[in-house]
Amino acid sequence: MNTTTFIIQPYGLIQIVQTHLLHEWFYLRIQYQIYLIKKIFLMVIF
């Protein structure tokens, strides 16, 4: 991809950034939920 396509189609770049952020957010949410489950699990055991 050359720079001209980015200038012509800035929406494509925005879309790529948005999907990337969305994936990051989902990943962080899943990590956080795993952390909470582990914490609750340990609290139940001890």
PDB file of N, CA and C in Angstrom:
ATOM      1  N   MET A   1       0.845  -1.211   0.000  1.00  0.00           N
ATOM      2  CA  MET A   1       0.000   0.000   0.000  1.00  0.00           C
ATOM      3  C   MET A   1       0.874   1.253   0.000  1.00  0.00           C
ATOM      4  N   ASN A   2       0.557   2.171  -0.876  1.00  0.00           N
ATOM      5  CA  ASN A   2       1.293   3.431  -0.891  1.00  0.00           C
ATOM      6  C   ASN A   2       0.509   4.519  -0.166  1.00  0.00           C
ATOM      7  N   THR A   3       1.146   5.671   0.041  1.00  0.00           N
ATOM      8  CA  THR A   3       0.529   6.738   0.829  1.00  0.00           C
ATOM      9  C   THR A   3      -0.672   7.367   0.138  1.00  0.00           C
ATOM     10  N   THR A   4      -0.723   7.309  -1.196  1.00  0.00           N
ATOM     11  CA  THR A   4      -1.834   7.941  -1.921  1.00  0.00           C
ATOM     12  C   THR A   4      -3.167   7.284  -1.584  1.00  0.00           C
ATOM     13  N   THR A   5      -3.169   5.969  -1.434  1.00  0.00           N
ATOM     14  CA  THR A   5      -4.424   5.291  -1.095  1.00  0.00           C
ATOM     15  C   THR A   5      -4.896   5.712   0.299  1.00  0.00           C
ATOM     16  N   PHE A   6      -3.958   5.948   1.209  1.00  0.00           N
ATOM     17  CA  PHE A   6      -4.320   6.415   2.543  1.00  0.00           C
ATOM     18  C   PHE A   6      -4.936   7.818   2.490  1.00  0.00           C
ATOM     19  N   ILE A   7      -4.374   8.664   1.628  1.00  0.00           N
ATOM     20  CA  ILE A   7      -4.904  10.027   1.481  1.00  0.00           C
ATOM     21  C   ILE A   7      -6.292   9.983   0.845  1.00  0.00           C
ATOM     22  N   ILE A   8      -6.459   9.133  -0.172  1.00  0.00           N
ATOM     23  CA  ILE A   8      -7.754   9.010  -0.846  1.00  0.00           C
ATOM     24  C   ILE A   8      -8.779   8.352   0.069  1.00  0.00           C
ATOM     25  N   GLN A   9      -8.351   7.322   0.812  1.00  0.00           N
ATOM     26  CA  GLN A   9      -9.276   6.588   1.665  1.00  0.00           C
ATOM     27  C   GLN A   9      -8.848   6.659   3.134  1.00  0.00           C
ATOM     28  N   PRO A  10      -9.083   7.779   3.799  1.00  0.00           N
ATOM     29  CA  PRO A  10      -8.726   7.871   5.209  1.00  0.00           C
ATOM     30  C   PRO A  10      -9.646   7.001   6.075  1.00  0.00           C
ATOM     31  N   TYR A  11     -10.853   6.745   5.547  1.00  0.00           N
ATOM     32  CA  TYR A  11     -11.833   5.931   6.272  1.00  0.00           C
ATOM     33  C   TYR A  11     -11.319   4.515   6.507  1.00  0.00           C
ATOM     34  N   GLY A  12     -10.608   3.971   5.528  1.00  0.00           N
ATOM     35  CA  GLY A  12     -10.032   2.632   5.660  1.00  0.00           C
ATOM     36  C   GLY A  12      -9.073   2.565   6.837  1.00  0.00           C
ATOM     37  N   LEU A  13      -8.218   3.587   6.951  1.00  0.00           N
ATOM     38  CA  LEU A  13      -7.256   3.644   8.050  1.00  0.00           C
ATOM     39  C   LEU A  13      -7.974   3.765   9.387  1.00  0.00           C
ATOM     40  N   ILE A  14      -8.996   4.627   9.437  1.00  0.00           N
ATOM     41  CA  ILE A  14      -9.786   4.801  10.656  1.00  0.00           C
ATOM     42  C   ILE A  14     -10.417   3.474  11.061  1.00  0.00           C
ATOM     43  N   GLN A  15     -10.943   2.753  10.076  1.00  0.00           N
ATOM     44  CA  GLN A  15     -11.576   1.461  10.331  1.00  0.00           C
ATOM     45  C   GLN A  15     -10.571   0.467  10.919  1.00  0.00           C
ATOM     46  N   ILE A  16      -9.357   0.440  10.346  1.00  0.00           N
ATOM     47  CA  ILE A  16      -8.304  -0.455  10.841  1.00  0.00           C
ATOM     48  C   ILE A  16      -7.987  -0.121  12.295  1.00  0.00           C
ATOM     49  N   VAL A  17      -7.833   1.166  12.591  1.00  0.00           N
ATOM     50  CA  VAL A  17      -7.525   1.603  13.960  1.00  0.00           C
ATOM     51  C   VAL A  17      -8.656   1.219  14.904  1.00  0.00           C
ATOM     52  N   GLN A  18      -9.906   1.452  14.479  1.00  0.00           N
ATOM     53  CA  GLN A  18     -11.064   1.143  15.311  1.00  0.00           C
ATOM     54  C   GLN A  18     -11.141  -0.346  15.625  1.00  0.00           C
ATOM     55  N   THR A  19     -10.959  -1.198  14.603  1.00  0.00           N
ATOM     56  CA  THR A  19     -11.026  -2.643  14.833  1.00  0.00           C
ATOM     57  C   THR A  19      -9.898  -3.080  15.760  1.00  0.00           C
ATOM     58  N   HIS A  20      -8.722  -2.470  15.601  1.00  0.00           N
ATOM     59  CA  HIS A  20      -7.584  -2.799  16.457  1.00  0.00           C
ATOM     60  C   HIS A  20      -7.910  -2.463  17.910  1.00  0.00           C
ATOM     61  N   LEU A  21      -8.459  -1.272  18.133  1.00  0.00           N
ATOM     62  CA  LEU A  21      -8.825  -0.857  19.485  1.00  0.00           C
ATOM     63  C   LEU A  21      -9.901  -1.761  20.068  1.00  0.00           C
ATOM     64  N   LEU A  22     -10.849  -2.150  19.221  1.00  0.00           N
ATOM     65  CA  LEU A  22     -11.924  -3.039  19.655  1.00  0.00           C
ATOM     66  C   LEU A  22     -11.359  -4.383  20.102  1.00  0.00           C
ATOM     67  N   HIS A  23     -10.421  -4.917  19.325  1.00  0.00           N
ATOM     68  CA  HIS A  23      -9.784  -6.183  19.679  1.00  0.00           C
ATOM     69  C   HIS A  23      -9.029  -6.053  20.992  1.00  0.00           C
ATOM     70  N   GLU A  24      -8.290  -4.932  21.158  1.00  0.00           N
ATOM     71  CA  GLU A  24      -7.564  -4.676  22.399  1.00  0.00           C
ATOM     72  C   GLU A  24      -8.534  -4.666  23.573  1.00  0.00           C
ATOM     73  N   TRP A  25      -9.655  -3.974  23.409  1.00  0.00           N
ATOM     74  CA  TRP A  25     -10.657  -3.835  24.463  1.00  0.00           C
ATOM     75  C   TRP A  25     -11.239  -5.195  24.840  1.00  0.00           C
ATOM     76  N   PHE A  26     -11.574  -5.998  23.838  1.00  0.00           N
ATOM     77  CA  PHE A  26     -12.106  -7.338  24.091  1.00  0.00           C
ATOM     78  C   PHE A  26     -11.086  -8.184  24.837  1.00  0.00           C
ATOM     79  N   TYR A  27      -9.824  -8.097  24.398  1.00  0.00           N
ATOM     80  CA  TYR A  27      -8.752  -8.860  25.029  1.00  0.00           C
ATOM     81  C   TYR A  27      -8.613  -8.465  26.503  1.00  0.00           C
ATOM     82  N   LEU A  28      -8.602  -7.156  26.763  1.00  0.00           N
ATOM     83  CA  LEU A  28      -8.478  -6.674  28.136  1.00  0.00           C
ATOM     84  C   LEU A  28      -9.670  -7.101  28.980  1.00  0.00           C
ATOM     85  N   ARG A  29     -10.851  -7.054  28.419  1.00  0.00           N
ATOM     86  CA  ARG A  29     -12.050  -7.477  29.144  1.00  0.00           C
ATOM     87  C   ARG A  29     -11.976  -8.949  29.526  1.00  0.00           C
ATOM     88  N   ILE A  30     -11.556  -9.771  28.567  1.00  0.00           N
ATOM     89  CA  ILE A  30     -11.431 -11.209  28.823  1.00  0.00           C
ATOM     90  C   ILE A  30     -10.388 -11.453  29.914  1.00  0.00           C
ATOM     91  N   GLN A  31      -9.240 -10.753  29.815  1.00  0.00           N
ATOM     92  CA  GLN A  31      -8.191 -10.894  30.818  1.00  0.00           C
ATOM     93  C   GLN A  31      -8.722 -10.521  32.198  1.00  0.00           C
ATOM     94  N   TYR A  32      -9.462  -9.420  32.266  1.00  0.00           N
ATOM     95  CA  TYR A  32     -10.016  -8.940  33.532  1.00  0.00           C
ATOM     96  C   TYR A  32     -11.011  -9.938  34.104  1.00  0.00           C
ATOM     97  N   GLN A  33     -11.855 -10.504  33.245  1.00  0.00           N
ATOM     98  CA  GLN A  33     -12.837 -11.487  33.711  1.00  0.00           C
ATOM     99  C   GLN A  33     -12.143 -12.737  34.231  1.00  0.00           C
ATOM    100  N   ILE A  34     -11.088 -13.185  33.550  1.00  0.00           N
ATOM    101  CA  ILE A  34     -10.315 -14.345  34.016  1.00  0.00           C
ATOM    102  C   ILE A  34      -9.728 -14.034  35.389  1.00  0.00           C
ATOM    103  N   TYR A  35      -9.202 -12.819  35.542  1.00  0.00           N
ATOM    104  CA  TYR A  35      -8.624 -12.389  36.816  1.00  0.00           C
ATOM    105  C   TYR A  35      -9.670 -12.428  37.927  1.00  0.00           C
ATOM    106  N   LEU A  36     -10.852 -11.902  37.651  1.00  0.00           N
ATOM    107  CA  LEU A  36     -11.929 -11.899  38.647  1.00  0.00           C
ATOM    108  C   LEU A  36     -12.350 -13.315  39.013  1.00  0.00           C
ATOM    109  N   ILE A  37     -12.487 -14.169  38.006  1.00  0.00           N
ATOM    110  CA  ILE A  37     -12.889 -15.563  38.245  1.00  0.00           C
ATOM    111  C   ILE A  37     -11.858 -16.257  39.132  1.00  0.00           C
ATOM    112  N   LYS A  38     -10.570 -16.046  38.830  1.00  0.00           N
ATOM    113  CA  LYS A  38      -9.508 -16.646  39.637  1.00  0.00           C
ATOM    114  C   LYS A  38      -9.577 -16.137  41.071  1.00  0.00           C
ATOM    115  N   LYS A  39      -9.785 -14.824  41.220  1.00  0.00           N
ATOM    116  CA  LYS A  39      -9.835 -14.223  42.545  1.00  0.00           C
ATOM    117  C   LYS A  39     -10.995 -14.801  43.358  1.00  0.00           C
ATOM    118  N   ILE A  40     -12.166 -14.863  42.751  1.00  0.00           N
ATOM    119  CA  ILE A  40     -13.349 -15.414  43.422  1.00  0.00           C
ATOM    120  C   ILE A  40     -13.122 -16.885  43.758  1.00  0.00           C
ATOM    121  N   PHE A  41     -12.536 -17.613  42.813  1.00  0.00           N
ATOM    122  CA  PHE A  41     -12.249 -19.035  42.998  1.00  0.00           C
ATOM    123  C   PHE A  41     -11.336 -19.249  44.204  1.00  0.00           C
ATOM    124  N   LEU A  42     -10.281 -18.426  44.295  1.00  0.00           N
ATOM    125  CA  LEU A  42      -9.348 -18.526  45.424  1.00  0.00           C
ATOM    126  C   LEU A  42     -10.028 -18.147  46.737  1.00  0.00           C
ATOM    127  N   MET A  43     -10.889 -17.150  46.704  1.00  0.00           N
ATOM    128  CA  MET A  43     -11.617 -16.733  47.901  1.00  0.00           C
ATOM    129  C   MET A  43     -12.537 -17.849  48.389  1.00  0.00           C
ATOM    130  N   VAL A  44     -13.145 -18.566  47.451  1.00  0.00           N
ATOM    131  CA  VAL A  44     -14.036 -19.679  47.805  1.00  0.00           C
ATOM    132  C   VAL A  44     -13.225 -20.816  48.440  1.00  0.00           C
ATOM    133  N   ILE A  45     -12.049 -21.107  47.872  1.00  0.00           N
ATOM    134  CA  ILE A  45     -11.210 -22.200  48.392  1.00  0.00           C
ATOM    135  C   ILE A  45     -10.710 -21.868  49.795  1.00  0.00           C
ATOM    136  N   PHE A  46     -10.164 -20.674  49.976  1.00  0.00           N
ATOM    137  CA  PHE A  46      -9.562 -20.318  51.267  1.00  0.00           C
ATOM    138  C   PHE A  46     -10.550 -19.595  52.176  1.00  0.00           C
TER     139      PHE A  46
END
